[in-house]
Protein backbone atom coordinates (compact mmCIF):
# COMPACT_ATOMS: atom_id res chain seq x y z
CA MET A 1 100.91 85.94 97.58
CA ALA A 2 99.74 87.67 100.73
CA ASP A 3 96.16 88.59 100.83
CA THR A 4 96.39 92.37 100.93
CA ILE A 5 93.17 94.16 102.47
CA LEU A 6 94.54 97.81 102.38
CA GLU A 7 97.00 99.63 100.24
CA VAL A 8 97.86 103.25 100.85
CA LYS A 9 99.65 105.07 98.15
CA HIS A 10 100.99 108.51 98.54
CA LEU A 11 98.41 109.72 101.09
CA LYS A 12 98.64 113.34 101.85
CA LYS A 13 96.62 115.74 103.99
CA TYR A 14 97.49 119.46 104.26
CA PHE A 15 95.87 122.03 106.34
CA ASN A 16 95.68 125.74 105.56
CA THR A 17 96.99 127.98 108.50
CA PRO A 18 97.59 131.72 108.82
CA LYS A 19 101.32 130.88 108.68
CA GLY A 20 101.21 128.53 105.52
CA LEU A 21 100.35 124.83 104.61
CA LEU A 22 100.59 122.29 107.28
CA HIS A 23 101.79 119.00 106.10
CA ALA A 24 100.01 116.76 108.59
CA VAL A 25 100.33 113.60 106.43
CA ASP A 26 102.85 113.86 103.47
CA ASP A 27 103.19 110.87 101.08
CA VAL A 28 102.53 107.98 103.40
CA ASN A 29 102.70 104.56 101.86
CA PHE A 30 102.00 101.10 103.12
CA THR A 31 100.22 97.70 102.69
CA LEU A 32 98.18 95.59 105.31
CA GLU A 33 97.40 91.98 105.21
CA ARG A 34 94.09 90.63 105.96
CA GLY A 35 93.86 89.57 109.46
CA LYS A 36 96.91 91.36 110.80
CA THR A 37 97.46 94.38 112.85
CA LEU A 38 99.49 97.36 111.83
CA GLY A 39 100.79 99.63 114.76
CA ILE A 40 101.28 103.26 113.94
CA VAL A 41 103.53 104.93 116.47
CA GLY A 42 105.12 108.37 117.15
CA GLU A 43 104.99 111.41 119.20
CA SER A 44 101.83 113.62 119.57
CA GLY A 45 101.26 115.70 116.55
CA CYS A 46 103.16 113.22 113.96
CA GLY A 47 100.09 112.72 112.12
CA LYS A 48 99.02 109.20 113.48
CA SER A 49 95.42 109.88 113.94
CA THR A 50 95.05 112.03 110.63
CA THR A 51 96.46 109.15 108.80
CA GLY A 52 93.80 106.82 110.29
CA ARG A 53 90.72 109.10 109.84
CA SER A 54 91.88 110.03 106.02
CA ILE A 55 92.12 106.37 105.24
CA LEU A 56 88.40 106.15 106.48
CA ARG A 57 87.54 109.53 104.90
CA LEU A 58 86.50 111.01 108.00
CA ILE A 59 88.91 113.71 107.07
CA GLU A 60 89.17 114.22 103.27
CA PRO A 61 92.63 113.44 102.07
CA THR A 62 94.19 116.21 100.00
CA SER A 63 95.81 113.30 97.49
CA GLY A 64 96.64 109.95 97.16
CA GLU A 65 94.82 106.59 96.82
CA VAL A 66 93.26 104.15 99.66
CA ILE A 67 92.73 100.91 98.05
CA PHE A 68 90.51 98.87 100.40
CA ASP A 69 89.53 95.34 99.24
CA GLY A 70 90.21 96.43 95.83
CA GLU A 71 88.07 99.66 95.89
CA ASP A 72 89.65 103.26 96.04
CA VAL A 73 88.03 104.63 98.95
CA CYS A 74 88.85 108.21 97.83
CA LYS A 75 86.77 107.99 94.73
CA LYS A 76 83.62 106.99 96.19
CA ASN A 77 80.65 109.30 96.36
CA LYS A 78 78.57 109.95 99.33
CA ASN A 79 76.24 106.85 98.98
CA GLU A 80 79.07 104.44 98.08
CA LEU A 81 81.12 105.54 100.93
CA ARG A 82 78.13 104.97 103.32
CA LEU A 83 77.89 101.31 102.18
CA LEU A 84 81.60 100.79 102.22
CA ARG A 85 81.95 102.10 105.89
CA ARG A 86 79.97 99.01 107.03
CA ASP A 87 83.29 97.30 106.41
CA MET A 88 85.52 99.91 107.94
CA GLN A 89 84.95 101.05 111.47
CA LEU A 90 86.84 103.37 114.18
CA ILE A 91 87.04 102.77 117.95
CA PHE A 92 87.83 106.30 119.39
CA GLN A 93 90.46 107.12 121.94
CA ASP A 94 88.27 108.67 124.70
CA PRO A 95 85.29 106.51 125.76
CA TYR A 96 84.22 109.27 127.98
CA ALA A 97 83.71 111.71 124.98
CA SER A 98 82.95 109.08 122.13
CA LEU A 99 79.51 107.95 123.49
CA ASP A 100 76.20 109.94 123.53
CA PRO A 101 75.60 110.43 127.30
CA ARG A 102 71.56 110.87 126.44
CA LYS A 103 71.53 107.35 125.23
CA THR A 104 71.44 103.91 126.65
CA VAL A 105 74.01 101.19 126.26
CA SER A 106 71.53 99.37 123.86
CA GLU A 107 70.69 102.59 122.07
CA ILE A 108 74.34 103.20 121.30
CA ILE A 109 75.23 99.76 120.11
CA ALA A 110 71.91 99.59 118.01
CA GLU A 111 72.37 103.11 116.42
CA PRO A 112 74.78 101.79 113.44
CA LEU A 113 72.31 99.21 112.69
CA LYS A 114 69.37 101.72 112.49
CA LEU A 115 71.50 104.20 110.52
CA GLN A 116 72.46 101.56 107.94
CA LYS A 117 69.06 99.80 107.91
CA LEU A 118 70.85 96.33 108.48
CA ILE A 119 68.33 95.22 111.11
CA THR A 120 64.76 96.93 110.77
CA ASP A 121 63.00 94.66 113.04
CA PRO A 122 63.36 95.85 116.80
CA LYS A 123 63.14 92.79 118.39
CA ALA A 124 65.89 91.30 116.11
CA ARG A 125 68.00 94.37 116.38
CA MET A 126 67.67 94.21 120.37
CA ASP A 127 68.80 90.41 120.02
CA ARG A 128 71.85 91.55 118.07
CA VAL A 129 72.70 94.18 120.72
CA ARG A 130 72.49 91.62 123.56
CA GLU A 131 74.75 89.08 121.25
CA LEU A 132 77.29 91.94 120.90
CA MET A 133 77.18 92.89 124.60
CA GLN A 134 78.06 89.14 125.49
CA VAL A 135 80.70 89.26 122.88
CA VAL A 136 82.65 92.06 124.36
CA GLY A 137 81.94 91.14 127.88
CA LEU A 138 79.22 93.50 129.00
CA ALA A 139 76.60 91.93 131.48
CA ASP A 140 73.10 92.07 130.27
CA ARG A 141 71.93 93.94 133.25
CA LEU A 142 73.58 96.99 131.82
CA ILE A 143 71.64 97.11 128.73
CA ASN A 144 69.44 100.10 129.87
CA THR A 145 72.29 101.97 131.87
CA TYR A 146 73.79 105.32 130.51
CA PRO A 147 77.63 105.88 130.02
CA HIS A 148 78.19 108.07 133.12
CA GLU A 149 77.01 105.13 135.23
CA LEU A 150 79.88 102.99 133.91
CA ASP A 151 83.80 102.96 134.30
CA GLY A 152 86.29 103.52 131.44
CA GLY A 153 86.49 99.94 130.69
CA ARG A 154 83.10 99.30 130.25
CA ARG A 155 82.67 102.47 128.13
CA GLN A 156 85.39 101.37 125.85
CA ARG A 157 83.65 97.89 125.50
CA ILE A 158 80.50 99.68 124.32
CA GLY A 159 82.52 101.38 121.75
CA ILE A 160 84.11 98.02 120.63
CA ALA A 161 80.45 96.55 120.45
CA ARG A 162 79.25 99.56 118.50
CA ALA A 163 82.12 99.20 115.90
CA LEU A 164 81.54 95.29 115.72
CA ALA A 165 77.86 95.86 115.06
CA MET A 166 78.28 96.34 111.20
CA LYS A 167 80.55 92.99 111.03
CA PRO A 168 83.42 95.18 109.63
CA LYS A 169 86.65 93.76 108.18
CA LEU A 170 88.99 96.55 109.16
CA ILE A 171 88.90 98.47 112.35
CA VAL A 172 90.84 101.73 113.07
CA CYS A 173 91.74 101.78 116.76
CA ASP A 174 92.76 105.42 117.60
CA GLU A 175 94.59 105.24 120.95
CA PRO A 176 91.88 102.90 122.15
CA VAL A 177 93.61 102.23 125.67
CA SER A 178 95.48 105.49 126.41
CA ALA A 179 92.66 106.83 128.57
CA LEU A 180 92.32 103.63 130.75
CA ASP A 181 94.25 102.44 133.71
CA VAL A 182 96.96 99.98 133.09
CA SER A 183 95.19 96.86 134.51
CA ILE A 184 92.01 97.83 132.44
CA GLN A 185 94.32 98.35 129.22
CA ALA A 186 95.48 94.82 129.39
CA GLN A 187 91.78 93.36 129.52
CA ILE A 188 90.78 95.48 126.36
CA LEU A 189 93.95 94.50 124.53
CA ASN A 190 93.27 90.82 125.22
CA LEU A 191 89.65 91.16 124.28
CA MET A 192 90.59 92.90 121.14
CA GLN A 193 93.00 90.05 120.12
CA ASP A 194 90.40 87.26 120.96
CA LEU A 195 87.99 89.31 118.61
CA GLN A 196 90.53 89.28 115.90
CA GLU A 197 91.13 85.67 116.19
CA GLN A 198 87.44 84.83 116.19
CA MET A 199 86.35 87.20 113.65
CA GLY A 200 89.42 87.54 111.33
CA LEU A 201 89.38 91.40 111.99
CA THR A 202 92.11 93.66 110.51
CA TYR A 203 93.54 96.42 112.77
CA ILE A 204 95.46 99.61 112.31
CA PHE A 205 96.35 100.26 115.92
CA ILE A 206 97.29 104.00 116.66
CA THR A 207 99.55 104.60 119.73
CA HIS A 208 102.19 106.62 121.24
CA ASP A 209 103.05 103.76 123.66
CA LEU A 210 105.56 101.27 122.08
CA SER A 211 105.35 98.79 124.98
CA VAL A 212 101.79 98.14 124.15
CA VAL A 213 102.10 97.92 120.52
CA ASN A 214 105.04 95.40 120.89
CA HIS A 215 102.92 92.80 121.90
CA PHE A 216 99.65 93.64 119.97
CA ALA A 217 101.04 94.55 116.37
CA ASP A 218 102.28 92.31 113.65
CA ASP A 219 104.14 95.01 112.04
CA ILE A 220 104.82 98.51 113.27
CA ALA A 221 105.19 101.77 111.14
CA VAL A 222 107.12 104.75 112.84
CA MET A 223 105.85 108.32 111.95
CA TYR A 224 107.73 111.56 112.32
CA LEU A 225 106.26 115.07 111.45
CA GLY A 226 103.84 113.49 108.89
CA GLN A 227 105.98 110.88 107.38
CA LEU A 228 106.49 107.28 107.72
CA ILE A 229 110.18 106.76 108.50
CA GLU A 230 110.44 103.15 109.56
CA LYS A 231 108.35 100.07 109.09
CA ALA A 232 109.15 96.60 110.06
CA PRO A 233 107.86 93.37 111.62
CA SER A 234 107.24 93.97 115.35
CA GLU A 235 109.98 91.77 116.82
CA GLN A 236 112.44 92.95 114.24
CA LEU A 237 111.78 96.54 114.74
CA PHE A 238 112.37 96.22 118.57
CA ASP A 239 115.55 93.84 117.99
CA LYS A 240 117.01 96.11 115.41
CA PRO A 241 115.82 99.48 115.14
CA THR A 242 117.46 101.26 112.31
CA HIS A 243 116.42 104.91 112.03
CA PRO A 244 117.89 107.13 114.58
CA TYR A 245 114.45 108.48 115.71
CA THR A 246 113.20 104.78 116.11
CA GLN A 247 116.32 104.13 118.23
CA ALA A 248 115.56 107.13 120.47
CA LEU A 249 111.88 106.20 120.83
CA LEU A 250 112.72 102.52 121.90
CA SER A 251 115.46 103.85 124.32
CA ALA A 252 112.76 105.49 126.34
CA ILE A 253 110.78 102.42 127.17
CA PRO A 254 111.50 101.48 130.68
CA VAL A 255 113.16 97.84 131.12
CA PRO A 256 112.25 96.18 134.16
CA SER A 257 115.55 94.14 134.45
CA LEU A 258 118.69 95.22 136.17
CA LYS A 259 120.89 92.94 133.82
CA LYS A 260 119.41 94.18 130.47
CA LYS A 261 119.99 97.98 130.52
CA ARG A 262 119.23 100.10 127.47
CA GLU A 263 121.20 103.17 127.17
CA ARG A 264 118.83 106.50 127.05
CA ILE A 265 119.24 108.39 123.70
CA ILE A 266 118.55 112.27 124.65
CA LEU A 267 117.31 114.07 121.57
CA LYS A 268 118.44 117.66 121.40
CA GLY A 269 117.73 120.40 118.81
CA GLU A 270 114.51 122.13 117.83
CA ILE A 271 111.74 120.27 116.09
CA THR A 272 111.31 121.23 112.49
CA SER A 273 108.07 123.07 111.68
CA PRO A 274 105.54 120.96 109.53
CA ILE A 275 104.33 124.34 108.14
CA ASN A 276 105.89 124.74 104.74
CA PRO A 277 108.73 122.24 105.45
CA LYS A 278 112.19 122.93 103.89
CA PRO A 279 114.01 120.22 101.79
CA GLY A 280 115.84 117.53 103.61
CA CYS A 281 115.23 115.06 106.32
CA ARG A 282 112.69 116.49 108.90
CA PHE A 283 114.61 114.62 111.72
CA ALA A 284 117.97 116.14 110.67
CA ALA A 285 117.84 119.08 113.37
CA ARG A 286 117.67 116.37 116.24
CA CYS A 287 119.53 113.73 114.67
CA PRO A 288 123.03 113.22 116.29
CA TYR A 289 124.37 111.65 112.82
CA ALA A 290 122.96 114.09 110.27
CA THR A 291 124.95 115.23 107.61
CA ASP A 292 124.84 118.00 104.95
CA ARG A 293 123.08 115.78 102.62
CA CYS A 294 120.37 115.05 105.29
CA ARG A 295 119.68 118.68 105.52
CA SER A 296 119.24 119.32 102.00
CA GLU A 297 117.92 116.08 100.33
CA GLU A 298 114.70 114.29 101.59
CA PRO A 299 115.45 110.38 102.18
CA VAL A 300 113.20 107.94 100.35
CA LEU A 301 111.50 105.14 102.31
CA ARG A 302 113.29 101.90 100.86
CA GLU A 303 113.66 98.24 101.69
CA ILE A 304 116.72 97.64 103.34
CA GLU A 305 115.90 93.97 104.19
CA PRO A 306 112.68 91.76 103.67
CA ASN A 307 109.81 93.81 104.92
CA HIS A 308 111.93 96.41 106.89
CA PHE A 309 111.64 99.75 105.18
CA VAL A 310 113.52 102.71 106.36
CA ALA A 311 113.68 106.39 105.27
CA CYS A 312 117.54 107.47 106.16
CA HIS A 313 120.40 108.28 103.99
CA LEU A 314 122.65 106.56 106.62
CA THR A 315 121.19 103.10 105.60
CA GLU A 316 122.45 103.34 101.93
CA GLY A 317 124.93 100.66 101.29
CA LYS A 318 123.81 98.58 104.09
């Protein structure tokens, strides 16, 4: 049997708004194997980041279960959650905003060690900081510099070092390279892959860039308006996208070849509101294949072939 480190069951996160209840994350289910990477993709506002933060309970879920290493994160009290967070860390999207400008590189990386009281001796703590800086490729001469003195790539390396300080098992990466130049993106992604191999890390990699996640993730989950609509191994999803929304997303990726052209799918129609959504498929208003059933009955995520899950009425019978 696969060694499952994370199991998310019926995860929901709703927000009260003046117009009604916003279904940011609506009944999301998936499992993640230890040492693997799950990419979560979709348009802005689809609930990717809210899903990641709800798993870590940085945002309190409305309902559902998050089973991490056999323990339900949602049932932990404040002190228990504090201890569990040693094994669950987050790399933020914006390295410019996620680092304290008043602290030096060493102080930023050492902070979680001090807060969790893992290393109380100042000298030992500084040795650990230097070790982490070396691991992520930060020169020792930068130890007393401030974030504003460094470029985006080095700042994100600080964020990675800070996340690694606790020796976590799971890291949620919330669009960690989207604010960086393309050349720097490749360096950070290669670093993260090397760290995964060396330390046995498990990643949830949240992004809107499918071309990035294709080479980085073992499995990809596609979200649309708070719901998980397709999940499959990366290669399988790119070779055989099944949900009409996934097909449209993949068609938008530029192909650097004159021989292998991909027909672009242009979506039309209005995006369904996630506030008090009506019954039916939330993609129906933009789907070129939608039927009356799609507009009235919500599809269920089901397995159409080994490890390939799709929520679409059109796949029934396949």
